[in-house]
């Protein structure tokens, strides 16, 4: 609670309304509580710097440009990502409740934090949720030594019973840039195969990492390319094409995104569906284990275990992250939580 209050106070200082600052802080700490530290309060200095550079817009005029019973096209005006994405997800959940499905394309948003947060919003309403995002190039297509696609993350969540929510939240790269930033904060190297340096050479130095590598080679690259087609091109706001063809620039930090919700009750009994998800999980976990493996887990399960631990014991932050937060607090005149002071 102290960390979330601190984050909200910082965001108010840079111009967000109290309500939007609270939303932004909540989404970041949600990630930290689940061990997704690469998308948690580590991002605060980056966001503050983006506002100061004219990237993220704390007073964005979010507007719906097109709407049908099922779809939305939302102009975000470079709003803070969690602010516009929670707005969009609530709208598509409402549409799904009415007609079975809601689908929104968000144009000109900014960093959204952990995408699993938004997909889980739908699962909490007994729906299937989906969220994906695209940025300008930061990942090398298979066979290239330069960035050509973005490591576009995707999250899918569905409701279970005894297992709560089954949620997959993954980047299309081997590792997200946030994990490289986390390695910098911890002062540790990154594994070979995560990234290339500015000249396209493999590196284990997080300070030199500039270009991400796709997960599964052609598979991660192919997914990233198609996500651009489903988001940016639908929005009429290409983020890869102008860079690849040297036809212009893209405002730093610009993202396009898709969020969707599907009402499970449109297809059948929700309780039966949730029971089937439980049984599916139990079947996976009952498989013979490979040598050295103690337990087979499903997507989202490690994060749920970290959540229980951190709710009881608090959120540990690397010294580098704490140092960066102290600098922001001092510069903006925001009191630090006692544990970080």
Protein backbone atom coordinates (compact mmCIF):
# COMPACT_ATOMS: atom_id res chain seq x y z
CA UNK A 1 0.00 0.00 0.00
CA UNK A 2 2.87 2.39 0.80
CA UNK A 3 4.58 1.64 -2.49
CA UNK A 4 1.35 2.15 -4.44
CA UNK A 5 0.66 5.45 -2.61
CA UNK A 6 4.20 6.62 -3.39
CA UNK A 7 3.81 5.75 -7.08
CA UNK A 8 0.47 7.56 -7.25
CA UNK A 9 1.99 10.65 -5.61
CA UNK A 10 4.79 10.69 -8.21
CA UNK A 11 2.31 10.44 -11.06
CA UNK A 12 0.20 13.25 -9.65
CA UNK A 13 3.34 15.40 -9.48
CA UNK A 14 3.90 14.95 -13.22
CA UNK A 15 0.32 15.92 -14.05
CA UNK A 16 -2.01 12.93 -13.82
CA UNK A 17 -5.36 13.38 -12.12
CA UNK A 18 -5.66 11.60 -8.75
CA UNK A 19 -7.85 8.91 -10.32
CA UNK A 20 -5.49 8.29 -13.25
CA UNK A 21 -2.45 8.36 -10.96
CA UNK A 22 -4.07 5.72 -8.76
CA UNK A 23 -4.81 3.53 -11.80
CA UNK A 24 -1.24 3.81 -13.06
CA UNK A 25 0.22 3.02 -9.64
CA UNK A 26 -2.11 0.07 -9.11
CA UNK A 27 -1.15 -1.60 -12.40
CA UNK A 28 2.57 -1.26 -11.70
CA UNK A 29 2.36 -2.62 -8.15
CA UNK A 30 0.05 -5.43 -9.39
CA UNK A 31 3.03 -6.56 -11.47
CA UNK A 32 5.52 -6.27 -8.59
CA UNK A 33 3.26 -8.30 -6.31
CA UNK A 34 3.38 -11.15 -8.82
CA UNK A 35 7.13 -11.02 -9.33
CA UNK A 36 6.89 -9.29 -12.71
CA UNK A 37 9.36 -6.68 -11.51
CA UNK A 38 10.37 -5.79 -15.07
CA UNK A 39 6.93 -4.16 -15.46
CA UNK A 40 6.55 -2.73 -11.98
CA UNK A 41 7.78 0.40 -10.18
CA UNK A 42 11.12 0.02 -11.94
CA UNK A 43 9.32 1.86 -14.76
CA UNK A 44 8.55 5.00 -12.74
CA UNK A 45 11.74 6.94 -13.66
CA UNK A 46 11.23 6.00 -17.31
CA UNK A 47 7.66 7.30 -17.26
CA UNK A 48 8.62 10.54 -15.53
CA UNK A 49 11.35 11.11 -18.12
CA UNK A 50 8.89 10.38 -20.92
CA UNK A 51 6.48 13.04 -19.64
CA UNK A 52 9.33 15.54 -19.43
CA UNK A 53 10.35 14.75 -23.02
CA UNK A 54 6.80 15.16 -24.30
CA UNK A 55 6.19 11.45 -24.82
CA UNK A 56 3.58 10.27 -22.31
CA UNK A 57 0.70 12.72 -21.98
CA UNK A 58 -0.65 13.07 -18.42
CA UNK A 59 -3.66 15.09 -19.59
CA UNK A 60 -4.56 13.11 -22.70
CA UNK A 61 -7.92 13.60 -24.41
CA UNK A 62 -8.98 9.98 -24.85
CA UNK A 63 -11.79 9.66 -27.37
CA UNK A 64 -13.75 6.95 -29.14
CA UNK A 65 -13.45 7.53 -32.89
CA UNK A 66 -15.48 4.58 -34.17
CA UNK A 67 -17.93 2.27 -32.47
CA UNK A 68 -20.30 -0.56 -33.32
CA UNK A 69 -22.08 -2.97 -30.97
CA UNK A 70 -18.91 -5.12 -30.97
CA UNK A 71 -15.89 -2.92 -31.71
CA UNK A 72 -14.18 0.30 -30.68
CA UNK A 73 -11.42 2.40 -32.20
CA UNK A 74 -9.94 4.56 -29.45
CA UNK A 75 -7.56 7.48 -29.92
CA UNK A 76 -5.42 7.59 -26.78
CA UNK A 77 -3.59 10.87 -27.41
CA UNK A 78 -0.43 9.29 -25.91
CA UNK A 79 -2.14 8.68 -22.58
CA UNK A 80 -0.41 6.65 -19.92
CA UNK A 81 -0.98 3.07 -21.05
CA UNK A 82 -2.81 1.68 -18.00
CA UNK A 83 -5.17 4.64 -17.96
CA UNK A 84 -6.48 4.15 -21.50
CA UNK A 85 -6.19 0.35 -21.50
CA UNK A 86 -8.32 -0.14 -18.38
CA UNK A 87 -10.84 2.27 -19.95
CA UNK A 88 -10.84 0.20 -23.15
CA UNK A 89 -11.08 -3.15 -21.40
CA UNK A 90 -14.05 -2.03 -19.32
CA UNK A 91 -15.78 -0.99 -22.55
CA UNK A 92 -15.15 -4.30 -24.34
CA UNK A 93 -16.28 -6.26 -21.27
CA UNK A 94 -19.54 -4.31 -21.34
CA UNK A 95 -19.96 -5.08 -25.04
CA UNK A 96 -19.23 -8.76 -24.50
CA UNK A 97 -21.85 -8.88 -21.75
CA UNK A 98 -24.40 -7.57 -24.25
CA UNK A 99 -23.59 -9.39 -27.49
CA UNK A 100 -20.94 -11.97 -26.60
CA UNK A 101 -17.78 -10.21 -27.79
CA UNK A 102 -16.02 -6.86 -27.53
CA UNK A 103 -12.91 -5.83 -29.46
CA UNK A 104 -11.04 -2.55 -29.17
CA UNK A 105 -8.08 -1.15 -31.08
CA UNK A 106 -6.20 1.57 -29.20
CA UNK A 107 -4.18 4.04 -31.25
CA UNK A 108 -1.34 6.17 -29.86
CA UNK A 109 -1.12 4.74 -26.38
CA UNK A 110 2.14 4.43 -24.41
CA UNK A 111 3.70 1.73 -22.25
CA UNK A 112 0.92 -0.34 -20.70
CA UNK A 113 2.74 -2.33 -18.03
CA UNK A 114 1.96 -6.04 -17.65
CA UNK A 115 -0.58 -7.04 -20.30
CA UNK A 116 -1.83 -9.88 -18.11
CA UNK A 117 -3.55 -7.29 -15.92
CA UNK A 118 -6.02 -6.40 -18.68
CA UNK A 119 -6.72 -9.95 -19.85
CA UNK A 120 -7.37 -10.88 -16.21
CA UNK A 121 -9.96 -8.10 -15.93
CA UNK A 122 -12.12 -10.05 -18.37
CA UNK A 123 -11.49 -13.39 -16.66
CA UNK A 124 -12.75 -11.89 -13.40
CA UNK A 125 -16.06 -11.32 -15.19
CA UNK A 126 -16.23 -14.99 -16.36
CA UNK A 127 -14.98 -14.03 -19.82
CA UNK A 128 -11.94 -14.86 -21.89
CA UNK A 129 -9.65 -11.85 -22.16
CA UNK A 130 -6.98 -10.95 -24.69
CA UNK A 131 -4.54 -8.05 -24.85
CA UNK A 132 -1.64 -7.39 -27.22
CA UNK A 133 0.51 -4.40 -28.11
CA UNK A 134 2.89 -3.14 -30.81
CA UNK A 135 5.69 -0.54 -30.78
CA UNK A 136 8.31 0.67 -33.27
CA UNK A 137 11.01 -1.91 -34.07
CA UNK A 138 13.17 -3.24 -31.24
CA UNK A 139 13.56 -6.93 -32.20
CA UNK A 140 15.49 -8.56 -35.03
CA UNK A 141 13.50 -10.74 -37.43
CA UNK A 142 15.03 -14.18 -37.77
CA UNK A 143 18.10 -13.88 -39.99
CA UNK A 144 18.50 -10.10 -39.49
CA UNK A 145 21.09 -8.16 -37.48
CA UNK A 146 18.89 -5.08 -37.09
CA UNK A 147 15.53 -4.38 -35.50
CA UNK A 148 12.57 -4.89 -37.83
CA UNK A 149 9.62 -5.83 -35.61
CA UNK A 150 8.59 -5.15 -32.04
CA UNK A 151 8.70 -7.79 -29.31
CA UNK A 152 4.93 -7.44 -29.11
CA UNK A 153 3.56 -9.01 -25.91
CA UNK A 154 0.29 -10.90 -25.74
CA UNK A 155 -1.80 -11.96 -22.76
CA UNK A 156 -4.72 -14.39 -22.71
CA UNK A 157 -6.72 -15.17 -19.58
CA UNK A 158 -9.63 -17.49 -18.81
CA UNK A 159 -11.43 -18.24 -15.54
CA UNK A 160 -11.00 -21.49 -13.67
CA UNK A 161 -12.52 -22.62 -10.36
CA UNK A 162 -10.03 -23.99 -7.84
CA UNK A 163 -7.14 -22.55 -9.83
CA UNK A 164 -8.50 -19.03 -10.06
CA UNK A 165 -7.39 -17.60 -13.41
CA UNK A 166 -5.32 -19.31 -16.08
CA UNK A 167 -3.29 -16.51 -17.64
CA UNK A 168 -0.54 -16.46 -20.24
CA UNK A 169 1.44 -13.22 -20.46
CA UNK A 170 4.45 -13.32 -22.78
CA UNK A 171 6.58 -11.20 -25.04
CA UNK A 172 7.38 -12.47 -28.53
CA UNK A 173 11.07 -11.98 -27.68
CA UNK A 174 13.16 -14.36 -25.59
CA UNK A 175 13.05 -11.71 -22.85
CA UNK A 176 11.43 -8.29 -22.55
CA UNK A 177 13.51 -5.11 -22.37
CA UNK A 178 12.21 -4.66 -18.83
CA UNK A 179 14.15 -7.78 -17.83
CA UNK A 180 17.28 -6.23 -19.32
CA UNK A 181 16.64 -3.10 -17.27
CA UNK A 182 16.17 -5.31 -14.22
CA UNK A 183 19.56 -6.93 -14.93
CA UNK A 184 21.11 -3.46 -15.04
CA UNK A 185 19.51 -2.60 -11.69
CA UNK A 186 20.79 -5.86 -10.20
CA UNK A 187 24.25 -5.48 -11.76
CA UNK A 188 24.17 -8.92 -13.40
CA UNK A 189 24.79 -10.11 -16.98
CA UNK A 190 22.01 -11.32 -19.26
CA UNK A 191 22.01 -14.79 -20.84
CA UNK A 192 23.50 -15.19 -24.30
CA UNK A 193 20.65 -15.32 -26.81
CA UNK A 194 18.57 -12.54 -25.28
CA UNK A 195 19.85 -9.57 -27.25
CA UNK A 196 22.26 -8.02 -29.74
CA UNK A 197 24.35 -4.88 -29.36
CA UNK A 198 24.01 -1.81 -31.60
CA UNK A 199 26.15 -3.47 -34.27
CA UNK A 200 24.07 -6.64 -34.33
CA UNK A 201 26.48 -8.78 -32.32
CA UNK A 202 25.34 -11.10 -29.50
CA UNK A 203 25.93 -9.63 -26.03
CA UNK A 204 25.60 -10.63 -22.38
CA UNK A 205 26.11 -7.04 -21.17
CA UNK A 206 22.70 -5.51 -20.40
CA UNK A 207 24.22 -2.03 -20.79
CA UNK A 208 25.08 -2.87 -24.43
CA UNK A 209 21.81 -4.64 -25.32
CA UNK A 210 19.95 -2.72 -28.03
CA UNK A 211 18.11 -5.30 -30.16
CA UNK A 212 16.02 -8.14 -28.77
CA UNK A 213 15.90 -11.64 -30.24
CA UNK A 214 12.61 -13.44 -31.02
CA UNK A 215 11.31 -16.35 -28.95
CA UNK A 216 11.36 -19.54 -30.99
CA UNK A 217 13.02 -17.86 -33.96
CA UNK A 218 10.52 -17.56 -36.80
CA UNK A 219 7.61 -18.18 -34.43
CA UNK A 220 8.16 -15.14 -32.21
CA UNK A 221 9.08 -13.01 -35.21
CA UNK A 222 6.00 -14.17 -37.16
CA UNK A 223 3.64 -13.48 -34.27
CA UNK A 224 5.11 -10.01 -33.79
CA UNK A 225 4.64 -9.20 -37.46
CA UNK A 226 1.00 -10.33 -37.44
CA UNK A 227 0.26 -8.41 -34.24
CA UNK A 228 1.31 -5.23 -36.08
CA UNK A 229 -1.23 -6.15 -38.77
CA UNK A 230 -3.98 -6.64 -36.17
CA UNK A 231 -3.30 -3.44 -34.22
CA UNK A 232 -1.35 -0.66 -35.91
CA UNK A 233 -2.64 -1.31 -39.42
CA UNK A 234 -6.23 -1.59 -38.20
CA UNK A 235 -5.71 1.76 -36.47
CA UNK A 236 -4.25 3.34 -39.62
CA UNK A 237 -1.13 4.15 -37.63
CA UNK A 238 1.78 1.96 -38.86
CA UNK A 239 4.72 1.76 -36.47
CA UNK A 240 7.08 -0.57 -38.36
CA UNK A 241 6.61 0.47 -41.98
CA UNK A 242 7.86 4.11 -41.71
CA UNK A 243 11.03 2.98 -39.94
CA UNK A 244 11.75 0.02 -42.22
CA UNK A 245 11.25 2.02 -45.41
CA UNK A 246 13.01 5.16 -44.07
CA UNK A 247 9.90 7.23 -44.76
CA UNK A 248 9.56 9.00 -41.45
CA UNK A 249 9.82 8.75 -37.70
CA UNK A 250 7.45 7.70 -34.93
CA UNK A 251 6.98 9.68 -31.74
CA UNK A 252 9.06 7.91 -29.04
CA UNK A 253 7.05 5.60 -26.82
CA UNK A 254 4.09 5.32 -29.20
CA UNK A 255 2.15 2.05 -29.04
CA UNK A 256 -0.96 0.61 -30.65
CA UNK A 257 -2.88 -2.10 -28.88
CA UNK A 258 -5.79 -4.55 -29.01
CA UNK A 259 -7.92 -5.62 -26.07
CA UNK A 260 -10.82 -8.05 -26.38
CA UNK A 261 -13.30 -9.96 -24.26
CA UNK A 262 -15.43 -12.97 -25.16
CA UNK A 263 -18.40 -13.91 -22.95
CA UNK A 264 -18.11 -17.63 -22.27
CA UNK A 265 -21.84 -17.87 -21.54
CA UNK A 266 -22.50 -17.10 -25.21
CA UNK A 267 -21.19 -20.57 -26.01
CA UNK A 268 -22.35 -22.61 -23.04
CA UNK A 269 -22.42 -23.05 -19.28
CA UNK A 270 -19.78 -20.94 -17.53
CA UNK A 271 -19.51 -23.20 -14.49
CA UNK A 272 -18.92 -26.23 -16.69
CA UNK A 273 -16.27 -24.29 -18.62
CA UNK A 274 -14.45 -23.32 -15.42
CA UNK A 275 -14.55 -26.92 -14.23
CA UNK A 276 -13.06 -28.06 -17.54
CA UNK A 277 -10.23 -25.54 -17.14
CA UNK A 278 -9.53 -26.98 -13.69
CA UNK A 279 -9.51 -30.53 -15.05
CA UNK A 280 -7.26 -29.49 -17.91
CA UNK A 281 -4.78 -27.99 -15.44
CA UNK A 282 -4.92 -31.09 -13.26
CA UNK A 283 -4.30 -33.29 -16.28
CA UNK A 284 -1.25 -31.26 -17.28
CA UNK A 285 0.14 -31.35 -13.74
CA UNK A 286 -0.33 -35.13 -13.51
CA UNK A 287 1.94 -35.85 -16.48
CA UNK A 288 5.20 -37.75 -15.86
CA UNK A 289 7.90 -35.26 -14.87
CA UNK A 290 11.20 -34.86 -16.66
CA UNK A 291 14.34 -35.66 -14.71
CA UNK A 292 15.11 -32.96 -12.15
CA UNK A 293 11.63 -31.41 -12.32
CA UNK A 294 9.70 -31.30 -9.05
CA UNK A 295 6.43 -29.92 -10.39
CA UNK A 296 4.81 -29.11 -13.71
CA UNK A 297 3.30 -25.63 -13.65
CA UNK A 298 0.81 -23.87 -15.91
CA UNK A 299 1.02 -20.27 -17.14
CA UNK A 300 0.47 -17.74 -14.37
CA UNK A 301 1.01 -20.26 -11.55
CA UNK A 302 4.50 -19.06 -10.55
CA UNK A 303 3.19 -15.50 -10.35
CA UNK A 304 0.29 -16.56 -8.13
CA UNK A 305 2.73 -18.16 -5.71
CA UNK A 306 4.89 -15.06 -5.62
CA UNK A 307 1.73 -13.02 -4.97
CA UNK A 308 0.94 -15.00 -1.82
CA UNK A 309 4.53 -14.63 -0.62
CA UNK A 310 4.79 -10.90 -1.31
CA UNK A 311 1.40 -10.09 0.17
CA UNK A 312 2.71 -11.61 3.39
CA UNK A 313 6.33 -10.42 3.32
CA UNK A 314 6.39 -7.32 1.12
CA UNK A 315 7.97 -6.52 -2.23
CA UNK A 316 11.77 -6.79 -2.46
CA UNK A 317 13.33 -4.28 -4.86
CA UNK A 318 16.88 -4.35 -6.31
CA UNK A 319 19.21 -1.67 -5.01
CA UNK A 320 19.42 -0.13 -8.47
CA UNK A 321 15.64 0.29 -8.59
CA UNK A 322 15.58 1.76 -5.08
CA UNK A 323 18.35 4.20 -6.00
CA UNK A 324 16.44 5.37 -9.09
CA UNK A 325 13.23 5.81 -7.10
CA UNK A 326 15.06 7.84 -4.46
CA UNK A 327 16.36 10.17 -7.16
CA UNK A 328 12.85 10.68 -8.57
CA UNK A 329 11.41 11.25 -5.08
CA UNK A 330 14.07 13.82 -4.24
CA UNK A 331 13.68 15.70 -7.50
CA UNK A 332 9.87 15.82 -7.32
CA UNK A 333 9.62 16.33 -3.57
CA UNK A 334 7.62 13.16 -2.93
CA UNK A 335 8.18 11.38 0.42
CA UNK A 336 9.61 7.88 0.05
CA UNK A 337 8.01 4.87 1.73
CA UNK A 338 9.80 4.19 5.00
CA UNK A 339 11.30 0.94 3.70
CA UNK A 340 13.00 2.80 0.82
CA UNK A 341 14.13 5.91 2.70
